[in-house]
Amino acid sequence: MHTAKTASYRFRAALAITALLVGSAPLVSASVLTPPDDAFVEISPGRVAYHSTADVLKQGRPIAPPKLEFEFDRPILFMKRHVSQAEYAACVADDGCRPLDKAHRDQRSPDLAVVGVSWQDATDYATWLSQRKGVNYRLPTYSEWVHAAGERFTEELRLDIYDSENPAERWLAEYALEAQRKIATDPKLKPFGAYGENAAGVQDINGNVWDWTDTCYERIFLGPDGEPSLPPFENCGVRLVAGSHHSMITDFMRDPKAGACSVGIPPSNLGIRLVREVSAR
């Protein structure tokens, strides 16, 4: 059931979008088309554990990544839905964001996620929104995303066969891993909330729109004793996108099928979900 506040927002959004499409002066300020405060939910402090997303090499051969733990001692204000098409269009109209590619340029709905965006687009939108609202917005780290996903977070099975000296066994293991990946067969966008929400109120975690994060690609080098043999290699020209499985995508790529750094099933769509910074209490 839609509230009066939501209906009012959609009506004003429609007026602004109509003005943008016909090229007349906007009937309302572009600031109307920004996520309201209630688009964010508070994720309580807590601990998360998951496998590292880094590539780990032991004596030059890939092995299964280690388990990581993160403790969050403060709440996180996490966007319960994705940035909408209407909200991103307002940023473009205000010259804060780059126009989408032709295939997505007519996206204007307040009820659907904006997709076809790169990490740079997502970062530009966060910067524009921060300037508009006087509050700092940013992309989440992967650990924050996992924490916000809560019980909806699913992790792929990790296979220790990666340390086999037989390359064929490794290839077969990687094939089996890819077969586990669940991806929406229909990339067509659905209204916010169509894939349900978790206990914290975060929607569509397991949907067909993946979220850009600020986490960079990393490679870790271990010696025969399992201790680091070289400093880790980090490439922030490649960022992690999170969804029903994670992928590494070059930061300027808008099409996930062209931007995955490793062989495998790419995400269906790339979208934006933000964190709103809160002051220390």
Protein backbone atom coordinates (compact mmCIF):
# COMPACT_ATOMS: atom_id res chain seq x y z
CA MET A 1 0.00 0.00 0.00
CA HIS A 2 1.45 3.37 -1.00
CA THR A 3 1.50 6.23 1.52
CA ALA A 4 0.38 9.78 0.72
CA LYS A 5 4.00 10.85 1.00
CA THR A 6 5.03 8.30 -1.60
CA ALA A 7 2.19 9.30 -3.92
CA SER A 8 3.13 12.99 -3.58
CA TYR A 9 6.75 12.18 -4.38
CA ARG A 10 5.76 10.24 -7.50
CA PHE A 11 3.43 13.03 -8.66
CA ARG A 12 6.14 15.68 -8.32
CA ALA A 13 8.65 13.34 -9.94
CA ALA A 14 6.32 12.86 -12.90
CA LEU A 15 5.95 16.64 -13.29
CA ALA A 16 9.70 17.18 -13.23
CA ILE A 17 10.39 14.34 -15.66
CA THR A 18 7.73 15.62 -18.06
CA ALA A 19 9.38 19.03 -18.01
CA LEU A 20 12.77 17.50 -18.70
CA LEU A 21 11.43 15.44 -21.60
CA VAL A 22 9.69 18.35 -23.32
CA GLY A 23 12.60 20.66 -22.73
CA SER A 24 10.70 23.31 -20.77
CA ALA A 25 11.72 24.86 -17.48
CA PRO A 26 11.32 22.34 -14.65
CA LEU A 27 8.04 22.69 -12.78
CA VAL A 28 9.75 21.63 -9.56
CA SER A 29 13.34 21.69 -8.39
CA ALA A 30 15.55 18.75 -9.34
CA SER A 31 16.18 18.36 -5.59
CA VAL A 32 12.69 16.82 -5.36
CA LEU A 33 14.08 13.87 -7.30
CA THR A 34 16.52 12.77 -4.62
CA PRO A 35 16.11 9.78 -2.29
CA PRO A 36 14.13 10.82 0.82
CA ASP A 37 15.49 10.10 4.28
CA ASP A 38 13.09 7.19 4.67
CA ALA A 39 14.73 5.47 1.69
CA PHE A 40 17.44 4.44 4.17
CA VAL A 41 17.15 1.85 6.91
CA GLU A 42 19.33 1.53 9.98
CA ILE A 43 21.43 -1.63 10.12
CA SER A 44 22.24 -2.43 13.73
CA PRO A 45 25.82 -3.03 14.92
CA GLY A 46 27.01 -6.60 14.61
CA ARG A 47 29.55 -9.02 13.19
CA VAL A 48 29.75 -10.59 9.75
CA ALA A 49 31.87 -13.44 8.43
CA TYR A 50 32.46 -14.36 4.80
CA HIS A 51 35.22 -15.57 2.52
CA SER A 52 37.67 -13.03 1.17
CA THR A 53 36.98 -11.88 -2.38
CA ALA A 54 40.72 -11.61 -3.08
CA ASP A 55 42.56 -13.94 -5.42
CA VAL A 56 44.95 -15.89 -3.18
CA LEU A 57 48.09 -17.51 -4.59
CA LYS A 58 50.24 -19.92 -2.59
CA GLN A 59 53.58 -20.44 -4.27
CA GLY A 60 52.01 -19.12 -7.45
CA ARG A 61 48.99 -21.48 -7.45
CA PRO A 62 45.42 -20.41 -6.62
CA ILE A 63 43.96 -21.62 -3.33
CA ALA A 64 40.63 -21.14 -1.60
CA PRO A 65 40.42 -17.68 0.04
CA PRO A 66 40.38 -17.36 3.84
CA LYS A 67 37.37 -16.52 5.98
CA LEU A 68 37.16 -12.91 7.15
CA GLU A 69 35.33 -11.35 10.08
CA PHE A 70 34.27 -7.73 10.50
CA GLU A 71 32.82 -6.09 13.60
CA PHE A 72 30.51 -3.09 13.16
CA ASP A 73 30.22 -1.13 16.38
CA ARG A 74 27.98 1.61 14.95
CA PRO A 75 24.74 1.51 12.96
CA ILE A 76 24.87 1.88 9.17
CA LEU A 77 22.26 3.85 7.25
CA PHE A 78 21.87 1.71 4.16
CA MET A 79 19.64 2.36 1.16
CA LYS A 80 16.73 -0.06 1.30
CA ARG A 81 16.17 0.11 -2.46
CA HIS A 82 18.26 1.08 -5.46
CA VAL A 83 18.60 4.61 -6.80
CA SER A 84 15.66 5.05 -9.14
CA GLN A 85 15.70 5.97 -12.79
CA ALA A 86 13.95 9.27 -11.99
CA GLU A 87 16.56 10.15 -9.36
CA TYR A 88 19.48 9.48 -11.69
CA ALA A 89 17.76 11.44 -14.50
CA ALA A 90 17.58 14.43 -12.16
CA CYS A 91 21.35 14.23 -11.63
CA VAL A 92 21.89 14.12 -15.41
CA ALA A 93 19.58 17.11 -15.90
CA ASP A 94 21.55 19.00 -13.26
CA ASP A 95 24.87 18.17 -15.03
CA GLY A 96 26.02 16.13 -12.05
CA CYS A 97 25.98 12.78 -13.86
CA ARG A 98 26.88 11.50 -17.29
CA PRO A 99 23.93 10.55 -19.52
CA LEU A 100 23.29 6.85 -19.85
CA ASP A 101 24.08 4.94 -23.01
CA LYS A 102 21.42 4.86 -25.71
CA ALA A 103 19.91 1.56 -24.60
CA HIS A 104 19.04 3.04 -21.18
CA ARG A 105 18.72 6.76 -21.88
CA ASP A 106 14.92 6.84 -21.73
CA GLN A 107 14.83 5.44 -18.17
CA ARG A 108 12.64 7.79 -16.11
CA SER A 109 10.57 5.62 -13.73
CA PRO A 110 10.49 6.40 -9.98
CA ASP A 111 9.62 2.73 -9.30
CA LEU A 112 12.48 1.00 -11.16
CA ALA A 113 16.21 0.88 -10.51
CA VAL A 114 18.52 2.84 -12.76
CA VAL A 115 20.82 0.35 -14.52
CA GLY A 116 23.53 0.58 -17.14
CA VAL A 117 25.71 2.59 -14.77
CA SER A 118 29.43 2.27 -14.10
CA TRP A 119 31.27 2.61 -10.79
CA GLN A 120 32.26 6.11 -11.90
CA ASP A 121 28.61 6.95 -12.63
CA ALA A 122 27.60 5.65 -9.21
CA THR A 123 30.35 7.68 -7.52
CA ASP A 124 29.38 10.81 -9.45
CA TYR A 125 25.79 10.36 -8.33
CA ALA A 126 26.84 10.00 -4.67
CA THR A 127 28.95 13.17 -4.97
CA TRP A 128 26.08 15.11 -6.58
CA LEU A 129 23.59 13.92 -3.96
CA SER A 130 25.97 14.87 -1.15
CA GLN A 131 26.28 18.38 -2.54
CA ARG A 132 22.53 18.67 -3.06
CA LYS A 133 21.53 17.53 0.42
CA GLY A 134 24.53 18.62 2.51
CA VAL A 135 25.03 15.09 3.85
CA ASN A 136 27.74 12.65 2.84
CA TYR A 137 26.56 9.75 0.67
CA ARG A 138 28.87 7.04 -0.67
CA LEU A 139 28.99 3.54 -2.06
CA PRO A 140 29.18 0.75 0.52
CA THR A 141 32.17 -1.46 1.07
CA TYR A 142 31.58 -5.15 0.43
CA SER A 143 31.68 -5.90 4.17
CA GLU A 144 28.97 -3.26 4.75
CA TRP A 145 26.91 -4.75 1.94
CA VAL A 146 27.19 -8.25 3.43
CA HIS A 147 26.17 -6.87 6.84
CA ALA A 148 23.16 -5.07 5.34
CA ALA A 149 22.14 -8.14 3.32
CA GLY A 150 21.77 -10.05 6.57
CA GLU A 151 20.04 -13.40 6.26
CA ARG A 152 19.56 -12.83 2.51
CA PHE A 153 23.32 -13.01 1.91
CA THR A 154 24.32 -16.17 0.10
CA GLU A 155 27.87 -17.28 -0.52
CA GLU A 156 29.18 -19.63 -3.16
CA LEU A 157 30.72 -22.89 -2.11
CA ARG A 158 34.50 -22.60 -1.93
CA LEU A 159 36.45 -25.54 -3.24
CA ASP A 160 39.84 -26.39 -1.74
CA ILE A 161 40.65 -28.28 -4.94
CA TYR A 162 42.04 -24.97 -6.23
CA ASP A 163 45.45 -25.91 -4.80
CA SER A 164 45.64 -29.03 -6.95
CA GLU A 165 48.71 -29.34 -9.14
CA ASN A 166 46.48 -30.73 -11.88
CA PRO A 167 45.13 -27.77 -13.93
CA ALA A 168 42.30 -29.91 -15.32
CA GLU A 169 40.95 -30.51 -11.81
CA ARG A 170 41.01 -26.79 -11.14
CA TRP A 171 39.12 -26.06 -14.36
CA LEU A 172 36.50 -28.66 -13.47
CA ALA A 173 36.19 -27.15 -9.99
CA GLU A 174 35.71 -23.68 -11.44
CA TYR A 175 33.06 -25.03 -13.81
CA ALA A 176 31.22 -26.59 -10.87
CA LEU A 177 31.44 -23.30 -8.98
CA GLU A 178 29.93 -21.41 -11.90
CA ALA A 179 27.11 -23.95 -12.09
CA GLN A 180 26.12 -23.01 -8.54
CA ARG A 181 25.61 -19.37 -9.41
CA LYS A 182 21.99 -18.39 -9.39
CA ILE A 183 21.15 -15.60 -11.80
CA ALA A 184 17.80 -14.25 -12.83
CA THR A 185 16.98 -15.68 -16.24
CA ASP A 186 14.89 -12.58 -16.99
CA PRO A 187 16.97 -9.38 -16.82
CA LYS A 188 13.80 -7.29 -17.20
CA LEU A 189 13.50 -4.80 -14.36
CA LYS A 190 10.78 -5.23 -11.76
CA PRO A 191 9.34 -2.61 -9.34
CA PHE A 192 11.13 -2.06 -6.06
CA GLY A 193 10.37 -4.80 -3.56
CA ALA A 194 9.45 -7.44 -6.15
CA TYR A 195 12.13 -9.77 -4.75
CA GLY A 196 11.09 -9.18 -1.14
CA GLU A 197 13.04 -7.71 1.74
CA ASN A 198 15.18 -8.95 4.61
CA ALA A 199 14.54 -8.57 8.33
CA ALA A 200 16.14 -5.10 8.32
CA GLY A 201 13.91 -3.90 5.49
CA VAL A 202 16.51 -4.00 2.69
CA GLN A 203 14.81 -4.90 -0.59
CA ASP A 204 15.79 -6.99 -3.60
CA ILE A 205 19.15 -8.26 -2.32
CA ASN A 206 18.73 -11.42 -4.40
CA GLY A 207 17.15 -9.66 -7.38
CA ASN A 208 18.50 -9.06 -10.87
CA VAL A 209 20.26 -5.75 -10.12
CA TRP A 210 23.77 -5.95 -8.66
CA ASP A 211 25.19 -3.15 -6.47
CA TRP A 212 28.46 -1.34 -7.05
CA THR A 213 30.73 -1.26 -3.99
CA ASP A 214 33.92 0.62 -3.23
CA THR A 215 35.90 -2.58 -2.64
CA CYS A 216 38.89 -2.94 -4.97
CA TYR A 217 40.29 -6.04 -6.65
CA GLU A 218 43.05 -7.62 -4.54
CA ARG A 219 45.56 -10.42 -5.03
CA ILE A 220 47.40 -11.98 -2.07
CA PHE A 221 50.71 -13.85 -2.34
CA LEU A 222 51.56 -16.59 0.17
CA GLY A 223 54.72 -18.61 0.64
CA PRO A 224 54.95 -22.36 1.40
CA ASP A 225 54.30 -21.67 5.10
CA GLY A 226 51.07 -19.83 4.32
CA GLU A 227 52.49 -16.47 5.35
CA PRO A 228 52.58 -13.45 2.98
CA SER A 229 55.58 -13.64 0.67
CA LEU A 230 54.93 -10.30 -1.06
CA PRO A 231 52.82 -7.22 -0.32
CA PRO A 232 49.24 -7.65 -1.56
CA PHE A 233 48.44 -6.22 -5.00
CA GLU A 234 45.44 -3.89 -5.19
CA ASN A 235 43.84 -2.57 -8.37
CA CYS A 236 41.15 0.05 -7.75
CA GLY A 237 40.48 0.34 -11.47
CA VAL A 238 38.45 -2.82 -10.86
CA ARG A 239 35.63 -2.83 -8.29
CA LEU A 240 33.46 -5.49 -6.74
CA VAL A 241 29.74 -5.65 -7.51
CA ALA A 242 27.52 -7.50 -5.04
CA GLY A 243 24.38 -9.53 -5.59
CA SER A 244 23.44 -13.20 -5.58
CA HIS A 245 27.13 -13.70 -6.35
CA HIS A 246 29.96 -11.18 -6.47
CA SER A 247 31.89 -10.18 -9.60
CA MET A 248 34.83 -7.94 -10.35
CA ILE A 249 34.06 -5.27 -12.96
CA THR A 250 36.27 -2.57 -14.49
CA ASP A 251 35.17 0.75 -12.98
CA PHE A 252 34.18 2.44 -16.26
CA MET A 253 32.11 -0.48 -17.56
CA ARG A 254 28.32 -0.06 -17.77
CA ASP A 255 27.56 -3.40 -19.41
CA PRO A 256 28.41 -6.27 -17.02
CA LYS A 257 28.66 -8.73 -19.87
CA ALA A 258 31.59 -6.73 -21.23
CA GLY A 259 33.20 -5.80 -17.91
CA ALA A 260 33.68 -8.94 -15.84
CA CYS A 261 37.31 -9.55 -15.00
CA SER A 262 37.01 -13.29 -14.68
CA VAL A 263 35.29 -15.92 -16.75
CA GLY A 264 31.86 -16.75 -15.40
CA ILE A 265 28.22 -15.74 -15.38
CA PRO A 266 28.04 -11.93 -15.34
CA PRO A 267 25.46 -9.92 -13.38
CA SER A 268 22.19 -9.13 -15.15
CA ASN A 269 22.26 -5.38 -14.43
CA LEU A 270 24.47 -2.89 -12.59
CA GLY A 271 22.79 -0.41 -10.24
CA ILE A 272 23.41 1.96 -7.33
CA ARG A 273 22.71 1.58 -3.63
CA LEU A 274 24.21 4.09 -1.18
CA VAL A 275 25.26 4.51 2.44
CA ARG A 276 24.37 7.71 4.25
CA GLU A 277 27.05 8.78 6.70
CA VAL A 278 25.95 9.34 10.31
CA SER A 279 27.73 11.46 12.90
CA ALA A 280 29.39 9.79 15.86
CA ARG A 281 27.09 9.69 18.87
